[in-house]
Amino acid sequence: MKCPGQDMRFWRPGDIFDAPCRKCGRKVEFFKDEVRRKCCCGHEIVNPKSDFGCAQWCPYAEQCIGTVPEEVKQRRKTEEKDLLRQRIALEMKKYFGTDFKRVHHAIEVARFAEKILKMEGGNPLVVMAAAYLHDIGIHEADRKYGSHSGHYQEMEGPGIAGGILERLNVPKQVIDEVCDIIGHHHSPREEETLHFQILYEADGLVNIEEEGISKDREKVEQLIGKVFRTVTGKRLVEELYLA
């Protein structure tokens, strides 16, 4: 027996519908679980309302309804990554608690990191996890050393971030890279990965505003030469602080 989401006996009005062919304008009938159909003119139409119900997330979908279309598999992977990213952000917020300054900083860094990532490429999970968790060692550094200077943050951050990511079942290879970035995010090496550079520039963009140098053109220009290497990062800092 098929699950209710795919069994036509449980379908509702609107689960079978017509969609216009973009080539000839004729109406083509679709069932909600179809990915594409060909119009009589030969043009292939993608289902604008494709809905596979639980097949988008259920690991037993293929045993239940047969072969799951590749489009659905890709959608499932994307949704899983988006959910994981949201859970990392939530863990960061839970860890910092009422330290809203740190929460806001992490969210802003993540926002800029995503902008740079979209243009420069890279692994979104690595970049966004590093962005949300890069300062996660601040509280422990304060507790242990009475200081949250960059050096102490780099010492304490990787262990805390690694524990969070392990609990979320993030792949070990990703955890290792994220922890490496966090472990020297104030101390760039002579040669750096793109993932580190994106985080470094996103953090720099936020720090310009938070450290009150946004109106000091000379200092901003100095930072461009020191911090920013990607085309997108340079464009953002120039648009925000030098335009």
C-alpha atoms as a PDB file:
ATOM      1  CA  MET A   1       0.000   0.000   0.000  1.00  0.00           C
ATOM      2  CA  LYS A   2       1.263   3.484  -0.848  1.00  0.00           C
ATOM      3  CA  CYS A   3       1.485   6.153   1.819  1.00  0.00           C
ATOM      4  CA  PRO A   4      -1.490   8.561   1.939  1.00  0.00           C
ATOM      5  CA  GLY A   5       0.538  11.409   0.431  1.00  0.00           C
ATOM      6  CA  GLN A   6       1.056   9.449  -2.799  1.00  0.00           C
ATOM      7  CA  ASP A   7      -2.083   7.295  -2.872  1.00  0.00           C
ATOM      8  CA  MET A   8      -4.585   8.885  -5.289  1.00  0.00           C
ATOM      9  CA  ARG A   9      -7.461   7.831  -3.051  1.00  0.00           C
ATOM     10  CA  PHE A  10      -6.335  10.547  -0.646  1.00  0.00           C
ATOM     11  CA  TRP A  11      -5.740  13.277  -3.215  1.00  0.00           C
ATOM     12  CA  ARG A  12      -7.680  16.511  -3.042  1.00  0.00           C
ATOM     13  CA  PRO A  13      -9.172  18.807  -5.683  1.00  0.00           C
ATOM     14  CA  GLY A  14      -6.342  20.599  -7.424  1.00  0.00           C
ATOM     15  CA  ASP A  15      -3.899  17.674  -7.239  1.00  0.00           C
ATOM     16  CA  ILE A  16      -4.683  17.124 -10.928  1.00  0.00           C
ATOM     17  CA  PHE A  17      -4.480  20.373 -12.879  1.00  0.00           C
ATOM     18  CA  ASP A  18      -3.721  21.989 -16.225  1.00  0.00           C
ATOM     19  CA  ALA A  19      -0.585  23.974 -17.025  1.00  0.00           C
ATOM     20  CA  PRO A  20      -0.093  26.017 -20.202  1.00  0.00           C
ATOM     21  CA  CYS A  21       2.617  25.099 -22.678  1.00  0.00           C
ATOM     22  CA  ARG A  22       5.016  28.019 -23.012  1.00  0.00           C
ATOM     23  CA  LYS A  23       5.622  27.199 -26.678  1.00  0.00           C
ATOM     24  CA  CYS A  24       2.145  26.774 -28.132  1.00  0.00           C
ATOM     25  CA  GLY A  25      -0.176  27.843 -25.310  1.00  0.00           C
ATOM     26  CA  ARG A  26      -2.155  24.585 -25.159  1.00  0.00           C
ATOM     27  CA  LYS A  27      -3.142  23.213 -21.755  1.00  0.00           C
ATOM     28  CA  VAL A  28      -1.321  20.104 -20.544  1.00  0.00           C
ATOM     29  CA  GLU A  29      -2.789  17.969 -17.762  1.00  0.00           C
ATOM     30  CA  PHE A  30      -0.505  17.232 -14.799  1.00  0.00           C
ATOM     31  CA  PHE A  31      -0.783  14.934 -11.796  1.00  0.00           C
ATOM     32  CA  LYS A  32       0.874  16.474  -8.726  1.00  0.00           C
ATOM     33  CA  ASP A  33       3.507  13.697  -8.556  1.00  0.00           C
ATOM     34  CA  GLU A  34       4.731  14.153 -12.138  1.00  0.00           C
ATOM     35  CA  VAL A  35       7.952  16.042 -12.754  1.00  0.00           C
ATOM     36  CA  ARG A  36       7.437  16.792 -16.456  1.00  0.00           C
ATOM     37  CA  ARG A  37       5.215  16.037 -19.439  1.00  0.00           C
ATOM     38  CA  LYS A  38       5.424  16.643 -23.163  1.00  0.00           C
ATOM     39  CA  CYS A  39       2.892  18.821 -24.909  1.00  0.00           C
ATOM     40  CA  CYS A  40       1.428  17.559 -28.193  1.00  0.00           C
ATOM     41  CA  CYS A  41       3.660  20.129 -29.904  1.00  0.00           C
ATOM     42  CA  GLY A  42       6.701  18.281 -28.568  1.00  0.00           C
ATOM     43  CA  HIS A  43       7.750  20.890 -26.011  1.00  0.00           C
ATOM     44  CA  GLU A  44       8.651  19.485 -22.591  1.00  0.00           C
ATOM     45  CA  ILE A  45       6.988  21.191 -19.625  1.00  0.00           C
ATOM     46  CA  VAL A  46       8.212  21.001 -16.029  1.00  0.00           C
ATOM     47  CA  ASN A  47       5.452  20.584 -13.459  1.00  0.00           C
ATOM     48  CA  PRO A  48       5.052  24.034 -11.842  1.00  0.00           C
ATOM     49  CA  LYS A  49       3.404  22.503  -8.764  1.00  0.00           C
ATOM     50  CA  SER A  50       5.449  19.300  -8.360  1.00  0.00           C
ATOM     51  CA  ASP A  51       4.710  17.866  -4.931  1.00  0.00           C
ATOM     52  CA  PHE A  52       6.014  14.486  -3.855  1.00  0.00           C
ATOM     53  CA  GLY A  53       4.818  14.751  -0.297  1.00  0.00           C
ATOM     54  CA  CYS A  54       6.947  12.648   2.036  1.00  0.00           C
ATOM     55  CA  ALA A  55       9.022  11.444  -0.927  1.00  0.00           C
ATOM     56  CA  GLN A  56      10.979  14.677  -0.601  1.00  0.00           C
ATOM     57  CA  TRP A  57      12.374  13.606   2.766  1.00  0.00           C
ATOM     58  CA  CYS A  58      11.502   9.967   3.500  1.00  0.00           C
ATOM     59  CA  PRO A  59      14.499   7.572   3.181  1.00  0.00           C
ATOM     60  CA  TYR A  60      12.103   4.777   2.121  1.00  0.00           C
ATOM     61  CA  ALA A  61      10.515   6.752  -0.690  1.00  0.00           C
ATOM     62  CA  GLU A  62      11.845   4.546  -3.471  1.00  0.00           C
ATOM     63  CA  GLN A  63      10.474   1.361  -1.872  1.00  0.00           C
ATOM     64  CA  CYS A  64       7.149   3.100  -1.408  1.00  0.00           C
ATOM     65  CA  ILE A  65       6.512   4.824  -4.723  1.00  0.00           C
ATOM     66  CA  GLY A  66       9.250   3.565  -7.013  1.00  0.00           C
ATOM     67  CA  THR A  67      12.128   5.565  -8.447  1.00  0.00           C
ATOM     68  CA  VAL A  68      12.306   9.065  -7.037  1.00  0.00           C
ATOM     69  CA  PRO A  69      13.075  11.640  -9.771  1.00  0.00           C
ATOM     70  CA  GLU A  70      16.519  13.215  -9.639  1.00  0.00           C
ATOM     71  CA  GLU A  71      14.954  16.660  -9.211  1.00  0.00           C
ATOM     72  CA  VAL A  72      13.331  15.485  -5.979  1.00  0.00           C
ATOM     73  CA  LYS A  73      16.579  13.970  -4.703  1.00  0.00           C
ATOM     74  CA  GLN A  74      18.394  17.246  -5.317  1.00  0.00           C
ATOM     75  CA  ARG A  75      15.608  19.203  -3.641  1.00  0.00           C
ATOM     76  CA  ARG A  76      15.843  16.882  -0.643  1.00  0.00           C
ATOM     77  CA  LYS A  77      19.602  17.463  -0.341  1.00  0.00           C
ATOM     78  CA  THR A  78      19.153  21.218  -0.569  1.00  0.00           C
ATOM     79  CA  GLU A  79      16.457  21.205   2.104  1.00  0.00           C
ATOM     80  CA  GLU A  80      18.616  19.053   4.384  1.00  0.00           C
ATOM     81  CA  LYS A  81      21.508  21.507   4.054  1.00  0.00           C
ATOM     82  CA  ASP A  82      19.226  24.480   4.717  1.00  0.00           C
ATOM     83  CA  LEU A  83      17.823  22.786   7.814  1.00  0.00           C
ATOM     84  CA  LEU A  84      21.326  21.976   9.076  1.00  0.00           C
ATOM     85  CA  ARG A  85      22.381  25.563   8.607  1.00  0.00           C
ATOM     86  CA  GLN A  86      19.348  26.742  10.598  1.00  0.00           C
ATOM     87  CA  ARG A  87      20.180  24.300  13.393  1.00  0.00           C
ATOM     88  CA  ILE A  88      23.770  25.560  13.563  1.00  0.00           C
ATOM     89  CA  ALA A  89      22.476  29.126  13.844  1.00  0.00           C
ATOM     90  CA  LEU A  90      20.072  28.041  16.574  1.00  0.00           C
ATOM     91  CA  GLU A  91      22.838  26.304  18.538  1.00  0.00           C
ATOM     92  CA  MET A  92      24.909  29.485  18.331  1.00  0.00           C
ATOM     93  CA  LYS A  93      22.019  31.527  19.713  1.00  0.00           C
ATOM     94  CA  LYS A  94      21.413  29.021  22.514  1.00  0.00           C
ATOM     95  CA  TYR A  95      25.091  29.029  23.451  1.00  0.00           C
ATOM     96  CA  PHE A  96      25.371  32.830  23.629  1.00  0.00           C
ATOM     97  CA  GLY A  97      22.003  33.122  25.383  1.00  0.00           C
ATOM     98  CA  THR A  98      21.327  36.740  26.332  1.00  0.00           C
ATOM     99  CA  ASP A  99      24.613  37.968  24.877  1.00  0.00           C
ATOM    100  CA  PHE A 100      22.743  39.635  22.046  1.00  0.00           C
ATOM    101  CA  LYS A 101      25.819  41.540  20.909  1.00  0.00           C
ATOM    102  CA  ARG A 102      27.570  38.272  19.992  1.00  0.00           C
ATOM    103  CA  VAL A 103      24.442  36.814  18.427  1.00  0.00           C
ATOM    104  CA  HIS A 104      23.938  39.896  16.269  1.00  0.00           C
ATOM    105  CA  HIS A 105      27.587  39.910  15.227  1.00  0.00           C
ATOM    106  CA  ALA A 106      27.469  36.264  14.157  1.00  0.00           C
ATOM    107  CA  ILE A 107      24.266  36.789  12.180  1.00  0.00           C
ATOM    108  CA  GLU A 108      25.724  39.811  10.378  1.00  0.00           C
ATOM    109  CA  VAL A 109      28.938  37.948   9.551  1.00  0.00           C
ATOM    110  CA  ALA A 110      26.860  35.063   8.195  1.00  0.00           C
ATOM    111  CA  ARG A 111      24.838  37.492   6.075  1.00  0.00           C
ATOM    112  CA  PHE A 112      27.943  38.937   4.438  1.00  0.00           C
ATOM    113  CA  ALA A 113      29.562  35.513   4.125  1.00  0.00           C
ATOM    114  CA  GLU A 114      26.546  34.294   2.177  1.00  0.00           C
ATOM    115  CA  LYS A 115      26.751  37.250  -0.203  1.00  0.00           C
ATOM    116  CA  ILE A 116      30.425  36.621  -0.917  1.00  0.00           C
ATOM    117  CA  LEU A 117      29.870  32.865  -1.147  1.00  0.00           C
ATOM    118  CA  LYS A 118      27.194  33.233  -3.806  1.00  0.00           C
ATOM    119  CA  MET A 119      29.558  35.131  -6.072  1.00  0.00           C
ATOM    120  CA  GLU A 120      32.889  33.480  -5.270  1.00  0.00           C
ATOM    121  CA  GLY A 121      31.770  29.862  -4.836  1.00  0.00           C
ATOM    122  CA  GLY A 122      32.738  27.366  -2.141  1.00  0.00           C
ATOM    123  CA  ASN A 123      31.079  24.886   0.193  1.00  0.00           C
ATOM    124  CA  PRO A 124      28.086  26.632   1.820  1.00  0.00           C
ATOM    125  CA  LEU A 125      28.090  24.317   4.853  1.00  0.00           C
ATOM    126  CA  VAL A 126      31.742  25.026   5.672  1.00  0.00           C
ATOM    127  CA  VAL A 127      31.435  28.776   5.151  1.00  0.00           C
ATOM    128  CA  MET A 128      28.151  29.273   6.982  1.00  0.00           C
ATOM    129  CA  ALA A 129      29.100  27.033   9.914  1.00  0.00           C
ATOM    130  CA  ALA A 130      32.347  28.965  10.305  1.00  0.00           C
ATOM    131  CA  ALA A 131      30.464  32.257  10.064  1.00  0.00           C
ATOM    132  CA  TYR A 132      27.944  31.370  12.768  1.00  0.00           C
ATOM    133  CA  LEU A 133      30.502  29.804  15.110  1.00  0.00           C
ATOM    134  CA  HIS A 134      33.690  31.811  14.509  1.00  0.00           C
ATOM    135  CA  ASP A 135      33.469  33.681  17.848  1.00  0.00           C
ATOM    136  CA  ILE A 136      32.006  30.797  19.855  1.00  0.00           C
ATOM    137  CA  GLY A 137      35.092  30.685  22.123  1.00  0.00           C
ATOM    138  CA  ILE A 138      34.620  34.197  23.524  1.00  0.00           C
ATOM    139  CA  HIS A 139      32.829  33.280  26.743  1.00  0.00           C
ATOM    140  CA  GLU A 140      35.173  30.428  27.588  1.00  0.00           C
ATOM    141  CA  ALA A 141      38.179  32.653  26.885  1.00  0.00           C
ATOM    142  CA  ASP A 142      36.802  35.260  29.284  1.00  0.00           C
ATOM    143  CA  ARG A 143      36.178  32.603  31.929  1.00  0.00           C
ATOM    144  CA  LYS A 144      39.609  30.976  31.659  1.00  0.00           C
ATOM    145  CA  TYR A 145      41.891  33.897  30.929  1.00  0.00           C
ATOM    146  CA  GLY A 146      39.921  37.007  31.822  1.00  0.00           C
ATOM    147  CA  SER A 147      40.276  38.116  28.222  1.00  0.00           C
ATOM    148  CA  HIS A 148      38.599  37.368  24.903  1.00  0.00           C
ATOM    149  CA  SER A 149      41.415  38.605  22.716  1.00  0.00           C
ATOM    150  CA  GLY A 150      41.761  36.927  19.336  1.00  0.00           C
ATOM    151  CA  HIS A 151      44.466  34.525  20.489  1.00  0.00           C
ATOM    152  CA  TYR A 152      42.338  33.143  23.336  1.00  0.00           C
ATOM    153  CA  GLN A 153      39.254  32.905  21.118  1.00  0.00           C
ATOM    154  CA  GLU A 154      41.246  30.833  18.659  1.00  0.00           C
ATOM    155  CA  MET A 155      42.346  28.505  21.471  1.00  0.00           C
ATOM    156  CA  GLU A 156      38.891  27.863  22.902  1.00  0.00           C
ATOM    157  CA  GLY A 157      36.614  28.145  19.856  1.00  0.00           C
ATOM    158  CA  PRO A 158      37.424  24.940  17.930  1.00  0.00           C
ATOM    159  CA  GLY A 159      36.570  22.567  20.777  1.00  0.00           C
ATOM    160  CA  ILE A 160      33.192  24.181  21.405  1.00  0.00           C
ATOM    161  CA  ALA A 161      32.347  24.464  17.705  1.00  0.00           C
ATOM    162  CA  GLY A 162      33.420  20.866  17.093  1.00  0.00           C
ATOM    163  CA  GLY A 163      31.149  19.622  19.863  1.00  0.00           C
ATOM    164  CA  ILE A 164      28.167  21.506  18.430  1.00  0.00           C
ATOM    165  CA  LEU A 165      28.765  20.202  14.904  1.00  0.00           C
ATOM    166  CA  GLU A 166      29.296  16.629  16.101  1.00  0.00           C
ATOM    167  CA  ARG A 167      25.944  16.696  17.908  1.00  0.00           C
ATOM    168  CA  LEU A 168      24.347  17.802  14.647  1.00  0.00           C
ATOM    169  CA  ASN A 169      25.992  14.901  12.765  1.00  0.00           C
ATOM    170  CA  VAL A 170      27.963  17.168  10.449  1.00  0.00           C
ATOM    171  CA  PRO A 171      30.498  15.186   8.377  1.00  0.00           C
ATOM    172  CA  LYS A 172      33.922  14.963  10.041  1.00  0.00           C
ATOM    173  CA  GLN A 173      35.702  16.489   7.063  1.00  0.00           C
ATOM    174  CA  VAL A 174      33.507  19.587   7.338  1.00  0.00           C
ATOM    175  CA  ILE A 175      33.989  19.761  11.121  1.00  0.00           C
ATOM    176  CA  ASP A 176      37.759  19.591  10.743  1.00  0.00           C
ATOM    177  CA  GLU A 177      37.834  22.420   8.215  1.00  0.00           C
ATOM    178  CA  VAL A 178      35.435  24.635  10.185  1.00  0.00           C
ATOM    179  CA  CYS A 179      37.449  24.124  13.376  1.00  0.00           C
ATOM    180  CA  ASP A 180      40.676  24.917  11.540  1.00  0.00           C
ATOM    181  CA  ILE A 181      39.177  28.190  10.284  1.00  0.00           C
ATOM    182  CA  ILE A 182      37.896  29.123  13.745  1.00  0.00           C
ATOM    183  CA  GLY A 183      41.258  28.198  15.265  1.00  0.00           C
ATOM    184  CA  HIS A 184      43.053  30.951  13.354  1.00  0.00           C
ATOM    185  CA  HIS A 185      40.303  33.289  12.167  1.00  0.00           C
ATOM    186  CA  HIS A 186      42.205  36.308  13.550  1.00  0.00           C
ATOM    187  CA  SER A 187      45.552  35.045  12.247  1.00  0.00           C
ATOM    188  CA  PRO A 188      45.537  34.421   8.494  1.00  0.00           C
ATOM    189  CA  ARG A 189      48.319  32.267   7.093  1.00  0.00           C
ATOM    190  CA  GLU A 190      50.480  33.253   4.163  1.00  0.00           C
ATOM    191  CA  GLU A 191      48.294  31.136   1.874  1.00  0.00           C
ATOM    192  CA  GLU A 192      44.636  30.673   2.722  1.00  0.00           C
ATOM    193  CA  THR A 193      41.662  28.691   1.447  1.00  0.00           C
ATOM    194  CA  LEU A 194      38.735  30.418  -0.207  1.00  0.00           C
ATOM    195  CA  HIS A 195      36.523  29.326   2.697  1.00  0.00           C
ATOM    196  CA  PHE A 196      38.779  31.047   5.232  1.00  0.00           C
ATOM    197  CA  GLN A 197      39.013  34.161   3.086  1.00  0.00           C
ATOM    198  CA  ILE A 198      35.237  34.488   2.805  1.00  0.00           C
ATOM    199  CA  LEU A 199      34.847  34.269   6.586  1.00  0.00           C
ATOM    200  CA  TYR A 200      37.750  36.669   7.157  1.00  0.00           C
ATOM    201  CA  GLU A 201      36.287  39.283   4.822  1.00  0.00           C
ATOM    202  CA  ALA A 202      32.734  38.906   6.164  1.00  0.00           C
ATOM    203  CA  ASP A 203      34.050  39.384   9.699  1.00  0.00           C
ATOM    204  CA  GLY A 204      36.034  42.398   8.509  1.00  0.00           C
ATOM    205  CA  LEU A 205      32.976  43.999   6.932  1.00  0.00           C
ATOM    206  CA  VAL A 206      31.069  43.788  10.221  1.00  0.00           C
ATOM    207  CA  ASN A 207      34.026  44.910  12.331  1.00  0.00           C
ATOM    208  CA  ILE A 208      34.455  48.093  10.283  1.00  0.00           C
ATOM    209  CA  GLU A 209      31.063  49.258  11.515  1.00  0.00           C
ATOM    210  CA  GLU A 210      31.292  47.843  15.037  1.00  0.00           C
ATOM    211  CA  GLU A 211      34.754  49.301  15.693  1.00  0.00           C
ATOM    212  CA  GLY A 212      33.652  52.760  14.583  1.00  0.00           C
ATOM    213  CA  ILE A 213      36.043  53.227  11.674  1.00  0.00           C
ATOM    214  CA  SER A 214      33.432  53.237   8.923  1.00  0.00           C
ATOM    215  CA  LYS A 215      33.786  57.003   8.468  1.00  0.00           C
ATOM    216  CA  ASP A 216      37.585  56.966   8.477  1.00  0.00           C
ATOM    217  CA  ARG A 217      38.330  56.611   4.785  1.00  0.00           C
ATOM    218  CA  GLU A 218      42.063  56.182   5.286  1.00  0.00           C
ATOM    219  CA  LYS A 219      41.664  53.286   7.715  1.00  0.00           C
ATOM    220  CA  VAL A 220      39.072  51.592   5.510  1.00  0.00           C
ATOM    221  CA  GLU A 221      41.389  51.823   2.511  1.00  0.00           C
ATOM    222  CA  GLN A 222      44.200  50.319   4.587  1.00  0.00           C
ATOM    223  CA  LEU A 223      41.929  47.414   5.535  1.00  0.00           C
ATOM    224  CA  ILE A 224      41.071  46.774   1.906  1.00  0.00           C
ATOM    225  CA  GLY A 225      44.708  46.156   1.157  1.00  0.00           C
ATOM    226  CA  LYS A 226      45.205  44.068   4.290  1.00  0.00           C
ATOM    227  CA  VAL A 227      42.010  42.003   4.558  1.00  0.00           C
ATOM    228  CA  PHE A 228      40.102  41.914   1.277  1.00  0.00           C
ATOM    229  CA  ARG A 229      41.218  39.743  -1.616  1.00  0.00           C
ATOM    230  CA  THR A 230      38.043  38.515  -3.302  1.00  0.00           C
ATOM    231  CA  VAL A 231      36.397  40.631  -5.978  1.00  0.00           C
ATOM    232  CA  THR A 232      33.068  40.487  -4.143  1.00  0.00           C
ATOM    233  CA  GLY A 233      34.540  41.414  -0.767  1.00  0.00           C
ATOM    234  CA  LYS A 234      36.333  44.443  -2.212  1.00  0.00           C
ATOM    235  CA  ARG A 235      33.182  45.539  -4.011  1.00  0.00           C
ATOM    236  CA  LEU A 236      31.106  45.287  -0.831  1.00  0.00           C
ATOM    237  CA  VAL A 237      33.486  47.292   1.327  1.00  0.00           C
ATOM    238  CA  GLU A 238      33.797  49.980  -1.329  1.00  0.00           C
ATOM    239  CA  GLU A 239      30.028  50.222  -1.803  1.00  0.00           C
ATOM    240  CA  LEU A 240      29.334  50.318   1.948  1.00  0.00           C
ATOM    241  CA  TYR A 241      32.115  52.557   3.214  1.00  0.00           C
ATOM    242  CA  LEU A 242      33.817  54.366   0.334  1.00  0.00           C
ATOM    243  CA  ALA A 243      31.015  55.286  -2.060  1.00  0.00           C
END
